[in-house]
């Protein structure tokens, strides 16, 4: 569920979010502090990259931005059948 929450948080913010926004969206934290929250977010992103990336150490789908993370390419929601 946590990996799905990371994807949905990015999707709901048009494919990109700051670390602060992700911490608030995923873990419902009201205040963001890098020393307290960055490790948790980095672990979740690393796990997600292992699932969705062909080469997790060189990501092309879930990329790092100057202030957070973004889904690369076109982002769209497909209805479940």
Foldseek 3Di string as FASTA:
>chain_A
DLLVQQVVQCVVVVFDDFQQSSCCSRVVDPDDDCVPRVVVVVVSLLVNLVVPPPDSVDDDQWDADPGHIGGPDDDDDDDDD
